[in-house]
Amino acid sequence: MSQTPFPIREGQLVPEVSFRIRVNGEWATVTTDDLFANKNVVVFSLPGAFTPTCSSTHLPRYNELAPAFKVAGIDSIICIAVNDPFVMEEWGRDQECENVMLLSDGNSQFTEKMGLLVDKSDLNFGKRSWRYSMLVRNKKIEKQFIEPQEPGDPFKVSDADTMLAHVNPNAKKPDQVAILTRDGCPFCAKAKRLLMEAGYDYVELPLPHTIRSRAVGAITGAGTVPQIFINGRLIGNSEDLEAFLKRASERGGRSQDPEGPSPRDRAAADSSVQHMAPTNTEAASPRDRAEPDAQRLRPNFRVQGSARK
């Protein structure tokens, strides 16, 4: 790739462009003014829809952190790619990214005026956008995070967590909650109800009977479901969850639990959970941190919670 440095456009206005897009199966046109005038907008751009890093990490994390961006005063999050409107519309359906606007820059006008159009003909992609993110306030670019000009597709600085840390260093990120379950389990139903009443969105992992005992034992050290995890920490079964939520309520915060896990939970976590976590998350790139998680048990995920009825 060319080693001509990418232009830094901080302090400048975003390019004046009209975009043709698809909305609910119909054609529409949006302009730069429509998207950015009198608004605080986070933009991230990527090489293409349905490509691995874009689909497993870059887009999903912005969608996940959208509530935190909103609290920080961001009006909208826009993902731009040099793809046609039909591809972007279908990618949006596939990703279920209701918190992010997918914007087709099919003629590459916006990307070219940004100075970030690159030639990826070696991959049979043609001209595409370099990966970057930016914060735009009332059409003016306040901050850019442009990936380093290295071979391949670097993903080190344009991720959602980096942008959120810039917008609000003290932002509270959404809790990450997962629950191991089985069909027809009343205790699982109770645990899900408790999570929903407490305002948690959660990912449900229903385990078939052919692997349930071995999987639950290997992951948690327990023998039954449900087993609940919050922010990488094993909470335990439905009774443990109920106690955890009671302590959190008494402290006035959802995830605050000063008493810590029970001895059983600590032992299970020490023996089976902690070694599964990355040992060097600060040094790992966003791709390294997120892609293994995105692959784990994905076909069986059921996402549900207070915001999804």
Protein backbone atom coordinates (compact mmCIF):
# COMPACT_ATOMS: atom_id res chain seq x y z
CA MET A 1 0.00 0.00 0.00
CA SER A 2 1.01 3.63 -0.45
CA GLN A 3 3.01 5.11 2.43
CA THR A 4 1.77 8.65 1.77
CA PRO A 5 0.55 9.72 5.21
CA PHE A 6 -3.19 9.90 5.63
CA PRO A 7 -4.43 13.47 6.12
CA ILE A 8 -5.47 14.53 9.61
CA ARG A 9 -8.69 16.49 9.29
CA GLU A 10 -9.28 17.38 12.92
CA GLY A 11 -10.77 20.86 13.14
CA GLN A 12 -12.13 20.66 9.59
CA LEU A 13 -15.69 20.10 8.41
CA VAL A 14 -16.81 16.72 7.13
CA PRO A 15 -17.11 16.49 3.33
CA GLU A 16 -20.34 17.68 1.71
CA VAL A 17 -21.86 14.54 0.18
CA SER A 18 -25.29 13.12 -0.63
CA PHE A 19 -25.75 9.43 0.09
CA ARG A 20 -28.25 7.12 -1.59
CA ILE A 21 -29.43 4.56 0.93
CA ARG A 22 -32.03 1.86 1.43
CA VAL A 23 -34.54 2.25 4.26
CA ASN A 24 -37.10 -0.51 4.82
CA GLY A 25 -36.72 -1.65 1.24
CA GLU A 26 -37.12 1.83 -0.26
CA TRP A 27 -34.66 4.34 -1.74
CA ALA A 28 -33.84 7.49 0.21
CA THR A 29 -31.26 10.28 0.10
CA VAL A 30 -29.44 11.76 3.08
CA THR A 31 -26.95 14.62 3.07
CA THR A 32 -24.06 15.65 5.24
CA ASP A 33 -26.32 18.23 6.87
CA ASP A 34 -28.95 15.60 7.63
CA LEU A 35 -26.37 13.44 9.35
CA PHE A 36 -24.13 15.92 11.15
CA ALA A 37 -25.63 19.42 11.45
CA ASN A 38 -26.23 20.39 15.11
CA LYS A 39 -25.46 16.84 16.25
CA ASN A 40 -22.72 14.97 18.09
CA VAL A 41 -21.91 11.95 15.96
CA VAL A 42 -19.45 9.07 16.21
CA VAL A 43 -18.38 7.69 12.83
CA PHE A 44 -16.39 4.57 12.14
CA SER A 45 -15.40 3.27 8.74
CA LEU A 46 -14.26 -0.18 7.72
CA PRO A 47 -13.18 -2.10 4.61
CA GLY A 48 -16.42 -3.92 3.94
CA ALA A 49 -19.66 -5.47 5.09
CA PHE A 50 -19.63 -9.17 5.99
CA THR A 51 -15.83 -9.22 6.35
CA PRO A 52 -14.48 -11.03 9.43
CA THR A 53 -13.20 -8.30 11.77
CA CYS A 54 -15.92 -5.87 10.72
CA SER A 55 -18.68 -8.38 11.48
CA SER A 56 -17.28 -10.10 14.56
CA THR A 57 -15.81 -7.14 16.39
CA HIS A 58 -15.86 -3.64 14.95
CA LEU A 59 -19.59 -3.16 14.30
CA PRO A 60 -20.97 -5.32 17.16
CA ARG A 61 -19.00 -3.50 19.85
CA TYR A 62 -20.19 -0.07 18.72
CA ASN A 63 -23.74 -1.41 18.76
CA GLU A 64 -23.20 -2.85 22.24
CA LEU A 65 -21.75 0.38 23.66
CA ALA A 66 -24.37 2.64 22.05
CA PRO A 67 -26.21 3.23 25.37
CA ALA A 68 -22.98 4.46 26.96
CA PHE A 69 -22.34 6.77 24.01
CA LYS A 70 -25.86 8.13 24.33
CA VAL A 71 -25.36 8.92 28.02
CA ALA A 72 -22.15 10.72 27.00
CA GLY A 73 -24.13 13.01 24.69
CA ILE A 74 -23.67 11.27 21.37
CA ASP A 75 -26.75 11.60 19.15
CA SER A 76 -25.94 8.87 16.63
CA ILE A 77 -23.35 6.31 15.57
CA ILE A 78 -22.68 5.86 11.85
CA CYS A 79 -20.78 3.05 10.15
CA ILE A 80 -19.51 3.94 6.67
CA ALA A 81 -18.26 1.44 4.10
CA VAL A 82 -17.61 1.50 0.37
CA ASN A 83 -20.35 -1.01 -0.36
CA ASP A 84 -23.58 -0.67 -2.28
CA PRO A 85 -26.80 0.17 -0.40
CA PHE A 86 -28.29 -3.32 -0.82
CA VAL A 87 -25.25 -4.94 0.80
CA MET A 88 -25.30 -2.50 3.71
CA GLU A 89 -29.04 -3.00 4.22
CA GLU A 90 -28.66 -6.78 4.29
CA TRP A 91 -25.62 -6.61 6.57
CA GLY A 92 -27.66 -4.55 9.00
CA ARG A 93 -30.35 -7.24 9.10
CA ASP A 94 -27.74 -9.93 9.62
CA GLN A 95 -26.00 -8.06 12.45
CA GLU A 96 -29.18 -6.85 14.19
CA CYS A 97 -27.36 -3.58 14.88
CA GLU A 98 -30.33 -1.39 15.69
CA ASN A 99 -28.15 1.19 17.46
CA VAL A 100 -25.89 1.95 14.49
CA MET A 101 -26.74 3.53 11.14
CA LEU A 102 -25.09 1.64 8.28
CA LEU A 103 -24.25 4.17 5.57
CA SER A 104 -23.35 3.14 2.04
CA ASP A 105 -20.60 5.20 0.41
CA GLY A 106 -20.99 3.17 -2.76
CA ASN A 107 -19.35 5.75 -5.03
CA SER A 108 -16.60 6.35 -2.43
CA GLN A 109 -17.16 10.13 -2.59
CA PHE A 110 -17.09 10.69 1.17
CA THR A 111 -14.16 8.34 1.75
CA GLU A 112 -12.12 9.86 -1.07
CA LYS A 113 -12.72 13.40 0.20
CA MET A 114 -11.63 12.25 3.64
CA GLY A 115 -8.36 11.12 2.04
CA LEU A 116 -8.85 7.57 3.29
CA LEU A 117 -9.68 5.66 0.10
CA VAL A 118 -7.19 2.82 -0.44
CA ASP A 119 -6.59 0.24 -3.15
CA LYS A 120 -7.30 -3.32 -2.02
CA SER A 121 -7.18 -4.88 -5.48
CA ASP A 122 -4.85 -7.56 -4.13
CA LEU A 123 -7.92 -8.94 -2.30
CA ASN A 124 -10.22 -8.38 -5.27
CA PHE A 125 -11.93 -5.62 -3.26
CA GLY A 126 -11.04 -2.70 -5.50
CA LYS A 127 -11.06 0.70 -3.78
CA ARG A 128 -12.18 0.61 -0.14
CA SER A 129 -12.05 2.73 2.99
CA TRP A 130 -9.16 2.50 5.39
CA ARG A 131 -10.29 1.63 8.90
CA TYR A 132 -10.78 4.67 11.13
CA SER A 133 -13.14 6.37 13.56
CA MET A 134 -13.91 10.01 14.30
CA LEU A 135 -15.94 12.23 16.59
CA VAL A 136 -17.92 14.92 14.77
CA ARG A 137 -19.65 17.82 16.51
CA ASN A 138 -21.95 19.97 14.36
CA LYS A 139 -20.17 18.87 11.17
CA LYS A 140 -16.68 19.64 12.55
CA ILE A 141 -14.25 16.77 13.08
CA GLU A 142 -13.05 16.97 16.67
CA LYS A 143 -11.01 13.76 16.89
CA GLN A 144 -9.81 11.01 14.54
CA PHE A 145 -8.45 7.56 15.28
CA ILE A 146 -6.86 6.29 12.06
CA GLU A 147 -5.38 2.81 11.98
CA PRO A 148 -1.60 2.74 11.38
CA GLN A 149 -0.43 2.33 7.80
CA GLU A 150 0.68 -1.25 8.13
CA PRO A 151 0.23 -4.22 5.78
CA GLY A 152 -3.05 -6.08 6.03
CA ASP A 153 -5.96 -4.74 8.02
CA PRO A 154 -4.74 -3.32 11.35
CA PHE A 155 -7.37 -2.88 14.04
CA LYS A 156 -5.80 -1.15 17.02
CA VAL A 157 -7.31 2.30 17.62
CA SER A 158 -10.63 2.69 15.78
CA ASP A 159 -12.56 0.38 18.12
CA ALA A 160 -15.57 1.43 20.16
CA ASP A 161 -13.83 1.23 23.54
CA THR A 162 -11.09 3.63 22.46
CA MET A 163 -13.64 6.12 21.15
CA LEU A 164 -15.81 5.86 24.26
CA ALA A 165 -12.76 6.46 26.47
CA HIS A 166 -12.11 9.65 24.49
CA VAL A 167 -15.71 10.85 24.65
CA ASN A 168 -16.08 10.05 28.35
CA PRO A 169 -13.14 8.49 30.23
CA ASN A 170 -15.47 7.65 33.12
CA ALA A 171 -18.24 6.09 31.03
CA LYS A 172 -20.09 3.15 32.56
CA LYS A 173 -20.13 0.35 30.00
CA PRO A 174 -23.10 -2.02 29.76
CA ASP A 175 -22.76 -5.09 31.94
CA GLN A 176 -21.97 -8.31 30.07
CA VAL A 177 -24.21 -11.07 31.31
CA ALA A 178 -24.48 -14.70 30.22
CA ILE A 179 -26.59 -17.53 31.58
CA LEU A 180 -26.20 -21.27 30.99
CA THR A 181 -29.63 -22.90 30.80
CA ARG A 182 -31.65 -25.89 29.65
CA ASP A 183 -35.13 -26.03 28.16
CA GLY A 184 -37.95 -26.49 30.67
CA CYS A 185 -35.87 -25.53 33.69
CA PRO A 186 -37.95 -23.55 36.26
CA PHE A 187 -34.84 -22.31 38.05
CA CYS A 188 -33.51 -21.00 34.74
CA ALA A 189 -36.80 -19.19 34.18
CA LYS A 190 -36.52 -17.67 37.66
CA ALA A 191 -32.96 -16.49 36.99
CA LYS A 192 -33.96 -14.89 33.70
CA ARG A 193 -36.87 -13.14 35.37
CA LEU A 194 -34.59 -11.80 38.11
CA LEU A 195 -32.13 -10.47 35.53
CA MET A 196 -34.86 -8.77 33.54
CA GLU A 197 -36.39 -7.21 36.65
CA ALA A 198 -32.95 -5.89 37.62
CA GLY A 199 -32.55 -4.31 34.18
CA TYR A 200 -29.88 -6.63 32.80
CA ASP A 201 -29.65 -7.60 29.14
CA TYR A 202 -28.27 -11.09 28.91
CA VAL A 203 -27.10 -13.74 26.50
CA GLU A 204 -28.66 -17.15 27.05
CA LEU A 205 -26.70 -20.29 26.21
CA PRO A 206 -29.13 -23.25 26.21
CA LEU A 207 -27.17 -26.47 26.58
CA PRO A 208 -28.44 -29.75 25.09
CA HIS A 209 -28.60 -32.72 27.41
CA THR A 210 -25.85 -34.53 25.48
CA ILE A 211 -23.21 -32.08 26.68
CA ARG A 212 -24.85 -30.19 29.55
CA SER A 213 -23.28 -31.89 32.57
CA ARG A 214 -19.79 -31.92 31.11
CA ALA A 215 -20.00 -28.35 29.85
CA VAL A 216 -21.38 -26.92 33.08
CA GLY A 217 -18.86 -28.84 35.14
CA ALA A 218 -15.94 -27.79 32.97
CA ILE A 219 -16.95 -24.12 32.87
CA THR A 220 -18.24 -23.54 36.41
CA GLY A 221 -17.34 -26.52 38.56
CA ALA A 222 -21.05 -26.97 39.32
CA GLY A 223 -23.37 -29.75 38.20
CA THR A 224 -26.62 -27.95 37.44
CA VAL A 225 -28.10 -25.03 35.56
CA PRO A 226 -28.68 -22.17 35.58
CA GLN A 227 -25.21 -20.72 36.00
CA ILE A 228 -24.91 -16.96 35.65
CA PHE A 229 -21.89 -14.85 34.76
CA ILE A 230 -21.70 -11.05 35.07
CA ASN A 231 -18.72 -9.18 33.62
CA GLY A 232 -16.62 -12.34 33.51
CA ARG A 233 -17.43 -13.34 37.07
CA LEU A 234 -19.28 -16.51 38.05
CA ILE A 235 -22.29 -15.57 40.20
CA GLY A 236 -23.71 -19.08 40.50
CA ASN A 237 -27.24 -20.48 40.38
CA SER A 238 -30.57 -18.70 40.73
CA GLU A 239 -30.33 -18.51 44.55
CA ASP A 240 -26.81 -17.09 44.29
CA LEU A 241 -28.08 -14.56 41.76
CA GLU A 242 -30.93 -13.54 44.01
CA ALA A 243 -28.51 -12.94 46.88
CA PHE A 244 -26.12 -11.05 44.60
CA LEU A 245 -28.89 -8.76 43.37
CA LYS A 246 -30.09 -8.14 46.92
CA ARG A 247 -26.61 -7.08 48.01
CA ALA A 248 -26.27 -4.90 44.93
CA SER A 249 -29.63 -3.26 45.63
CA GLU A 250 -28.62 -2.54 49.21
CA ARG A 251 -25.49 -0.84 47.92
CA GLY A 252 -27.48 1.18 45.39
CA GLY A 253 -25.78 -0.20 42.28
CA ARG A 254 -26.52 -3.04 39.93
CA SER A 255 -23.07 -4.64 39.85
CA GLN A 256 -21.80 -3.55 43.25
CA ASP A 257 -21.23 -6.54 45.52
CA PRO A 258 -18.76 -5.66 48.29
CA GLU A 259 -19.12 -9.01 50.00
CA GLY A 260 -17.77 -10.79 46.97
CA PRO A 261 -18.64 -14.29 45.81
CA SER A 262 -19.33 -17.16 48.16
CA PRO A 263 -16.48 -19.57 48.97
CA ARG A 264 -18.04 -22.08 46.56
CA ASP A 265 -18.17 -19.46 43.82
CA ARG A 266 -14.60 -18.35 44.50
CA ALA A 267 -13.36 -21.92 44.35
CA ALA A 268 -15.20 -22.60 41.12
CA ALA A 269 -14.00 -19.38 39.61
CA ASP A 270 -10.40 -19.99 40.65
CA SER A 271 -10.38 -23.50 39.26
CA SER A 272 -12.23 -23.05 36.01
CA VAL A 273 -12.98 -19.49 35.01
CA GLN A 274 -10.04 -17.26 35.73
CA HIS A 275 -7.64 -19.19 33.56
CA MET A 276 -10.00 -18.69 30.61
CA ALA A 277 -9.70 -14.90 30.70
CA PRO A 278 -7.02 -13.07 28.67
CA THR A 279 -3.92 -12.49 30.76
CA ASN A 280 -2.83 -9.33 28.96
CA THR A 281 -5.93 -7.39 27.91
CA GLU A 282 -4.19 -4.04 28.02
CA ALA A 283 -1.65 -5.11 25.44
CA ALA A 284 -4.09 -7.03 23.27
CA SER A 285 -5.62 -5.32 20.27
CA PRO A 286 -9.41 -4.91 20.04
CA ARG A 287 -9.39 -7.73 17.48
CA ASP A 288 -7.46 -10.04 19.83
CA ARG A 289 -9.73 -9.26 22.77
CA ALA A 290 -13.03 -9.63 20.98
CA GLU A 291 -12.77 -12.18 18.20
CA PRO A 292 -12.32 -15.29 20.38
CA ASP A 293 -15.39 -14.28 22.39
CA ALA A 294 -17.38 -13.71 19.22
CA GLN A 295 -16.76 -17.27 18.09
CA ARG A 296 -17.58 -19.00 21.37
CA LEU A 297 -20.93 -20.86 21.14
CA ARG A 298 -22.30 -18.20 18.78
CA PRO A 299 -24.77 -20.51 16.95
CA ASN A 300 -26.69 -21.16 20.18
CA PHE A 301 -26.84 -17.60 21.52
CA ARG A 302 -30.19 -16.18 22.52
CA VAL A 303 -30.00 -12.50 23.33
CA GLN A 304 -32.66 -11.23 25.65
CA GLY A 305 -33.18 -8.71 28.39
CA SER A 306 -35.00 -5.66 29.59
CA ALA A 307 -34.71 -3.90 26.26
CA ARG A 308 -35.77 -6.92 24.23
CA LYS A 309 -39.16 -8.38 24.92
